[in-house]
Every structure is written in C-alpha cells, then in structure tokens.
Amino acid sequence: MPVSPSFRTATPADIPGLVALIQSAYRGDASRAGWTTEADLLGGQRTDADMVAAVVNDTSGRMLIAETDGGVLAACCQLENRDGHAYFGTFAVRPDMQGTGLGKQVLAEAERLARDEWDAAEMHMTVISAREELIAWYVRRGYVRTGELSPFPYGDERFGLPKRDNLEFELLVKKLR
C-alpha cells in the first residue's frame, strides 16, 4: 500500500523514537519482518541515544524524518554536508512499512535536499559489502559501486557484534547534478 509521508528535521525529543526505529529495522527478530535486516551479519545494537543525538545536533547536517498520517515515525536518514558532496546514512524504514515505496521516497527527498539546499554535486554512502540485495536496490536508483572499501569497526560494540570476520564497507556514489 503506497505511503504519502511528510518530512521534517528531527529534534532532540525524537531521539528515543529514532533509536527504536533504527534498531528495529536492522537488528533482532523484529528486523526480520523487513528485508533490510542485518541480524545474520551482526548482533547487538545498531545505534544508541548518544550516536543519534550526535547526528540530530550536528550543525553540518540533519536527521530527516518521514512521518505518516497521525505523526507516526515511519523512516529516517542522516544527511551530512561534506565539502561538495552529501553523505547519506542511518537510513531506516519501519520493517512493517518496507516494500511500500517509502524508502524510495525518503531517498529521493534526501537527494533533493542535498542538491537544492546544499548544492551538493554527489551523494555518498557506505554499505556493508556483503549486503548484495541492498546494494542492488541502491544501484537501481542510480548509485554506482566504486570498489572503494573501508574496514568494519571490529571491537567497537557501539556498531554491533559481528557474526563473521569479513565485513567491510563499500562506497556508493550518485551524481546529483
């Protein structure tokens, strides 16, 4: 069923709901209701209140929220303005709303903001390279695999508990203008 979200920038009052949303989209049994789960790759937390607060309070970017009718927190993403390009991360859609087109709408709004408000030439993101289905989703939306890899932060439990020893991130890039 299509969703027509409204968008706004997160405030500190949104932090607890954002932590719950992000955790539910990526970790634990609840995340298995959607297709973005990382539960087979990582256990533990995906984020915490301090990490989300750092994004919400960062003056070089914003945490974008998508809400449905009634103000239900449905999705979010992090945007950072980084010297000519924008960084896209912390993207989460409620597992029970995945497959409705909401994720495409959030990504399109993030790209529009980066291009129109920051004059960003490109959008950058990093994705765990083992997430082939997710990478394919981004490629269908115009992102290009760069082959540029960076290590997963093994040993830093703030980012989760790896269930395999070959995790790494790949940089994906899309031209915005």
C-alpha atoms as a PDB file:
ATOM      1  CA  MET A   1       0.000   0.000   0.000  1.00  0.00           C
ATOM      2  CA  PRO A   2       1.575   3.366  -1.027  1.00  0.00           C
ATOM      3  CA  VAL A   3       2.509   5.787   1.723  1.00  0.00           C
ATOM      4  CA  SER A   4       2.420   9.605   1.487  1.00  0.00           C
ATOM      5  CA  PRO A   5       4.844  10.784   4.154  1.00  0.00           C
ATOM      6  CA  SER A   6       5.532  14.256   5.430  1.00  0.00           C
ATOM      7  CA  PHE A   7       9.161  15.171   6.053  1.00  0.00           C
ATOM      8  CA  ARG A   8      10.801  17.183   8.809  1.00  0.00           C
ATOM      9  CA  THR A   9      14.127  17.563  10.574  1.00  0.00           C
ATOM     10  CA  ALA A  10      14.492  15.619  13.814  1.00  0.00           C
ATOM     11  CA  THR A  11      14.704  17.370  17.169  1.00  0.00           C
ATOM     12  CA  PRO A  12      16.152  16.095  20.469  1.00  0.00           C
ATOM     13  CA  ALA A  13      12.647  14.975  21.503  1.00  0.00           C
ATOM     14  CA  ASP A  14      12.733  12.457  18.611  1.00  0.00           C
ATOM     15  CA  ILE A  15      15.874  10.649  19.790  1.00  0.00           C
ATOM     16  CA  PRO A  16      14.208   7.762  21.724  1.00  0.00           C
ATOM     17  CA  GLY A  17      11.836   7.013  18.837  1.00  0.00           C
ATOM     18  CA  LEU A  18      14.682   7.184  16.321  1.00  0.00           C
ATOM     19  CA  VAL A  19      16.813   4.741  18.315  1.00  0.00           C
ATOM     20  CA  ALA A  20      13.896   2.296  18.445  1.00  0.00           C
ATOM     21  CA  LEU A  21      13.176   2.711  14.718  1.00  0.00           C
ATOM     22  CA  ILE A  22      16.796   2.196  13.647  1.00  0.00           C
ATOM     23  CA  GLN A  23      17.248  -0.810  15.931  1.00  0.00           C
ATOM     24  CA  SER A  24      14.008  -2.414  14.700  1.00  0.00           C
ATOM     25  CA  ALA A  25      14.999  -2.025  11.044  1.00  0.00           C
ATOM     26  CA  TYR A  26      18.393  -3.697  11.379  1.00  0.00           C
ATOM     27  CA  ARG A  27      18.792  -5.913  14.430  1.00  0.00           C
ATOM     28  CA  GLY A  28      16.988  -8.602  16.331  1.00  0.00           C
ATOM     29  CA  ASP A  29      13.957 -10.680  15.459  1.00  0.00           C
ATOM     30  CA  ALA A  30      11.755  -7.630  14.790  1.00  0.00           C
ATOM     31  CA  SER A  31      14.059  -6.650  11.907  1.00  0.00           C
ATOM     32  CA  ARG A  32      13.335  -9.939  10.130  1.00  0.00           C
ATOM     33  CA  ALA A  33       9.858  -8.637   9.254  1.00  0.00           C
ATOM     34  CA  GLY A  34      11.568  -6.401   6.682  1.00  0.00           C
ATOM     35  CA  TRP A  35      14.267  -7.044   4.111  1.00  0.00           C
ATOM     36  CA  THR A  36      16.906  -4.617   5.465  1.00  0.00           C
ATOM     37  CA  THR A  37      17.822  -6.770   8.457  1.00  0.00           C
ATOM     38  CA  GLU A  38      21.479  -7.213   9.364  1.00  0.00           C
ATOM     39  CA  ALA A  39      20.593  -9.806  12.015  1.00  0.00           C
ATOM     40  CA  ASP A  40      22.503 -12.574  10.200  1.00  0.00           C
ATOM     41  CA  LEU A  41      25.648 -10.437   9.986  1.00  0.00           C
ATOM     42  CA  LEU A  42      25.587  -8.501  13.265  1.00  0.00           C
ATOM     43  CA  GLY A  43      24.131  -8.815  16.726  1.00  0.00           C
ATOM     44  CA  GLY A  44      23.945  -6.253  19.485  1.00  0.00           C
ATOM     45  CA  GLN A  45      22.972  -2.652  18.923  1.00  0.00           C
ATOM     46  CA  ARG A  46      22.824  -0.753  15.636  1.00  0.00           C
ATOM     47  CA  THR A  47      22.859   2.630  17.358  1.00  0.00           C
ATOM     48  CA  ASP A  48      22.262   4.257  20.717  1.00  0.00           C
ATOM     49  CA  ALA A  49      20.891   7.541  22.064  1.00  0.00           C
ATOM     50  CA  ASP A  50      24.311   9.240  22.113  1.00  0.00           C
ATOM     51  CA  MET A  51      25.019   8.326  18.485  1.00  0.00           C
ATOM     52  CA  VAL A  52      21.600   9.544  17.323  1.00  0.00           C
ATOM     53  CA  ALA A  53      21.928  12.727  19.407  1.00  0.00           C
ATOM     54  CA  ALA A  54      25.251  13.451  17.699  1.00  0.00           C
ATOM     55  CA  VAL A  55      23.505  13.361  14.306  1.00  0.00           C
ATOM     56  CA  VAL A  56      20.456  15.334  15.465  1.00  0.00           C
ATOM     57  CA  ASN A  57      22.673  18.052  16.962  1.00  0.00           C
ATOM     58  CA  ASP A  58      25.231  18.201  14.129  1.00  0.00           C
ATOM     59  CA  THR A  59      25.066  21.639  12.505  1.00  0.00           C
ATOM     60  CA  SER A  60      26.646  20.320   9.259  1.00  0.00           C
ATOM     61  CA  GLY A  61      23.701  18.062   8.582  1.00  0.00           C
ATOM     62  CA  ARG A  62      20.364  16.769   9.749  1.00  0.00           C
ATOM     63  CA  MET A  63      18.396  13.693  10.618  1.00  0.00           C
ATOM     64  CA  LEU A  64      15.468  13.644   8.227  1.00  0.00           C
ATOM     65  CA  ILE A  65      12.248  12.063   9.489  1.00  0.00           C
ATOM     66  CA  ALA A  66       9.364  10.702   7.416  1.00  0.00           C
ATOM     67  CA  GLU A  67       6.037  10.568   9.231  1.00  0.00           C
ATOM     68  CA  THR A  68       2.741   9.095   8.146  1.00  0.00           C
ATOM     69  CA  ASP A  69      -0.700  10.447   8.942  1.00  0.00           C
ATOM     70  CA  GLY A  70      -1.070  10.855  12.666  1.00  0.00           C
ATOM     71  CA  GLY A  71       2.605  11.654  13.134  1.00  0.00           C
ATOM     72  CA  VAL A  72       3.791   8.032  13.142  1.00  0.00           C
ATOM     73  CA  LEU A  73       7.610   7.875  12.811  1.00  0.00           C
ATOM     74  CA  ALA A  74       7.963   5.701   9.708  1.00  0.00           C
ATOM     75  CA  ALA A  75      11.505   6.279   8.410  1.00  0.00           C
ATOM     76  CA  CYS A  76      14.638   8.357   8.859  1.00  0.00           C
ATOM     77  CA  CYS A  77      18.004   9.090   7.326  1.00  0.00           C
ATOM     78  CA  GLN A  78      21.109  11.059   8.189  1.00  0.00           C
ATOM     79  CA  LEU A  79      22.388  13.725   5.812  1.00  0.00           C
ATOM     80  CA  GLU A  80      25.734  15.490   6.150  1.00  0.00           C
ATOM     81  CA  ASN A  81      27.024  18.369   4.042  1.00  0.00           C
ATOM     82  CA  ARG A  82      30.635  17.427   3.293  1.00  0.00           C
ATOM     83  CA  ASP A  83      32.622  19.815   1.099  1.00  0.00           C
ATOM     84  CA  GLY A  84      30.836  19.494  -2.256  1.00  0.00           C
ATOM     85  CA  HIS A  85      29.060  16.227  -1.616  1.00  0.00           C
ATOM     86  CA  ALA A  86      26.454  14.954   0.809  1.00  0.00           C
ATOM     87  CA  TYR A  87      26.726  11.834   2.928  1.00  0.00           C
ATOM     88  CA  PHE A  88      23.647   9.615   3.350  1.00  0.00           C
ATOM     89  CA  GLY A  89      23.461   7.188   6.254  1.00  0.00           C
ATOM     90  CA  THR A  90      21.486   5.853   9.196  1.00  0.00           C
ATOM     91  CA  PHE A  91      18.662   5.014   6.789  1.00  0.00           C
ATOM     92  CA  ALA A  92      15.836   3.103   8.439  1.00  0.00           C
ATOM     93  CA  VAL A  93      12.269   2.236   7.444  1.00  0.00           C
ATOM     94  CA  ARG A  94       9.899   0.511   9.849  1.00  0.00           C
ATOM     95  CA  PRO A  95      10.009  -3.208   8.974  1.00  0.00           C
ATOM     96  CA  ASP A  96       6.221  -3.376   8.572  1.00  0.00           C
ATOM     97  CA  MET A  97       6.371  -0.489   6.063  1.00  0.00           C
ATOM     98  CA  GLN A  98       9.208  -1.832   3.916  1.00  0.00           C
ATOM     99  CA  GLY A  99       8.112  -2.641   0.387  1.00  0.00           C
ATOM    100  CA  THR A 100       5.563   0.217   0.302  1.00  0.00           C
ATOM    101  CA  GLY A 101       7.755   2.636  -1.665  1.00  0.00           C
ATOM    102  CA  LEU A 102       8.506   4.697   1.439  1.00  0.00           C
ATOM    103  CA  GLY A 103      12.252   4.057   1.240  1.00  0.00           C
ATOM    104  CA  LYS A 104      12.361   5.336  -2.357  1.00  0.00           C
ATOM    105  CA  GLN A 105      10.523   8.486  -1.269  1.00  0.00           C
ATOM    106  CA  VAL A 106      12.907   9.128   1.632  1.00  0.00           C
ATOM    107  CA  LEU A 107      15.953   8.621  -0.594  1.00  0.00           C
ATOM    108  CA  ALA A 108      14.510  10.967  -3.243  1.00  0.00           C
ATOM    109  CA  GLU A 109      13.799  13.648  -0.631  1.00  0.00           C
ATOM    110  CA  ALA A 110      17.322  13.302   0.786  1.00  0.00           C
ATOM    111  CA  GLU A 111      18.796  13.699  -2.704  1.00  0.00           C
ATOM    112  CA  ARG A 112      16.576  16.730  -3.372  1.00  0.00           C
ATOM    113  CA  LEU A 113      17.635  18.420  -0.109  1.00  0.00           C
ATOM    114  CA  ALA A 114      21.327  17.745  -0.762  1.00  0.00           C
ATOM    115  CA  ARG A 115      21.124  19.079  -4.322  1.00  0.00           C
ATOM    116  CA  ASP A 116      18.765  22.026  -3.802  1.00  0.00           C
ATOM    117  CA  GLU A 117      19.700  23.246  -0.316  1.00  0.00           C
ATOM    118  CA  TRP A 118      23.412  22.408  -0.204  1.00  0.00           C
ATOM    119  CA  ASP A 119      24.213  22.430  -3.941  1.00  0.00           C
ATOM    120  CA  ALA A 120      25.854  19.026  -3.484  1.00  0.00           C
ATOM    121  CA  ALA A 121      27.166  17.522  -6.700  1.00  0.00           C
ATOM    122  CA  GLU A 122      27.100  13.949  -5.398  1.00  0.00           C
ATOM    123  CA  MET A 123      25.592  11.766  -2.698  1.00  0.00           C
ATOM    124  CA  HIS A 124      27.940   9.325  -0.985  1.00  0.00           C
ATOM    125  CA  MET A 125      27.090   6.396   1.256  1.00  0.00           C
ATOM    126  CA  THR A 126      28.792   3.325   2.629  1.00  0.00           C
ATOM    127  CA  VAL A 127      27.084  -0.076   2.695  1.00  0.00           C
ATOM    128  CA  ILE A 128      28.314  -3.365   4.131  1.00  0.00           C
ATOM    129  CA  SER A 129      29.645  -5.079   1.011  1.00  0.00           C
ATOM    130  CA  ALA A 130      28.013  -8.400   1.962  1.00  0.00           C
ATOM    131  CA  ARG A 131      24.594  -6.719   1.629  1.00  0.00           C
ATOM    132  CA  GLU A 132      24.268  -7.516  -2.092  1.00  0.00           C
ATOM    133  CA  GLU A 133      20.459  -7.150  -2.172  1.00  0.00           C
ATOM    134  CA  LEU A 134      20.643  -3.723  -0.550  1.00  0.00           C
ATOM    135  CA  ILE A 135      23.465  -2.587  -2.829  1.00  0.00           C
ATOM    136  CA  ALA A 136      21.416  -3.740  -5.841  1.00  0.00           C
ATOM    137  CA  TRP A 137      18.484  -1.619  -4.560  1.00  0.00           C
ATOM    138  CA  TYR A 138      20.733   1.462  -4.497  1.00  0.00           C
ATOM    139  CA  VAL A 139      22.217   0.655  -7.919  1.00  0.00           C
ATOM    140  CA  ARG A 140      18.678   0.574  -9.354  1.00  0.00           C
ATOM    141  CA  ARG A 141      18.317   4.123  -8.015  1.00  0.00           C
ATOM    142  CA  GLY A 142      21.402   5.397  -9.813  1.00  0.00           C
ATOM    143  CA  TYR A 143      24.179   4.730  -7.291  1.00  0.00           C
ATOM    144  CA  VAL A 144      27.475   3.386  -8.580  1.00  0.00           C
ATOM    145  CA  ARG A 145      29.691   0.896  -6.794  1.00  0.00           C
ATOM    146  CA  THR A 146      33.143   2.439  -6.513  1.00  0.00           C
ATOM    147  CA  GLY A 147      35.042  -0.612  -5.302  1.00  0.00           C
ATOM    148  CA  GLU A 148      36.471   1.637  -2.575  1.00  0.00           C
ATOM    149  CA  LEU A 149      36.383  -0.391   0.627  1.00  0.00           C
ATOM    150  CA  SER A 150      36.836   0.587   4.259  1.00  0.00           C
ATOM    151  CA  PRO A 151      37.085  -1.676   7.293  1.00  0.00           C
ATOM    152  CA  PHE A 152      34.212  -2.516   9.619  1.00  0.00           C
ATOM    153  CA  PRO A 153      34.919  -1.173  13.149  1.00  0.00           C
ATOM    154  CA  TYR A 154      35.571  -4.575  14.752  1.00  0.00           C
ATOM    155  CA  GLY A 155      35.910  -4.303  18.506  1.00  0.00           C
ATOM    156  CA  ASP A 156      33.637  -1.255  18.808  1.00  0.00           C
ATOM    157  CA  GLU A 157      30.423  -2.720  20.181  1.00  0.00           C
ATOM    158  CA  ARG A 158      28.566   0.554  19.539  1.00  0.00           C
ATOM    159  CA  PHE A 159      28.289  -0.634  15.919  1.00  0.00           C
ATOM    160  CA  GLY A 160      27.259  -4.185  16.721  1.00  0.00           C
ATOM    161  CA  LEU A 161      28.702  -7.608  17.353  1.00  0.00           C
ATOM    162  CA  PRO A 162      29.959  -9.121  14.087  1.00  0.00           C
ATOM    163  CA  LYS A 163      28.926 -12.698  13.327  1.00  0.00           C
ATOM    164  CA  ARG A 164      31.572 -13.044  10.598  1.00  0.00           C
ATOM    165  CA  ASP A 165      35.118 -11.850  10.163  1.00  0.00           C
ATOM    166  CA  ASN A 166      34.989 -10.467   6.613  1.00  0.00           C
ATOM    167  CA  LEU A 167      32.750  -7.403   6.995  1.00  0.00           C
ATOM    168  CA  GLU A 168      33.723  -4.195   5.238  1.00  0.00           C
ATOM    169  CA  PHE A 169      32.006  -1.143   3.771  1.00  0.00           C
ATOM    170  CA  GLU A 170      31.846  -0.158   0.109  1.00  0.00           C
ATOM    171  CA  LEU A 171      31.433   3.436  -1.023  1.00  0.00           C
ATOM    172  CA  LEU A 172      28.496   4.067  -3.358  1.00  0.00           C
ATOM    173  CA  VAL A 173      28.147   7.393  -5.204  1.00  0.00           C
ATOM    174  CA  LYS A 174      25.404   9.083  -7.226  1.00  0.00           C
ATOM    175  CA  LYS A 175      25.718  12.268  -9.257  1.00  0.00           C
ATOM    176  CA  LEU A 176      23.023  14.741  -8.206  1.00  0.00           C
ATOM    177  CA  ARG A 177      23.622  17.328 -10.910  1.00  0.00           C
END
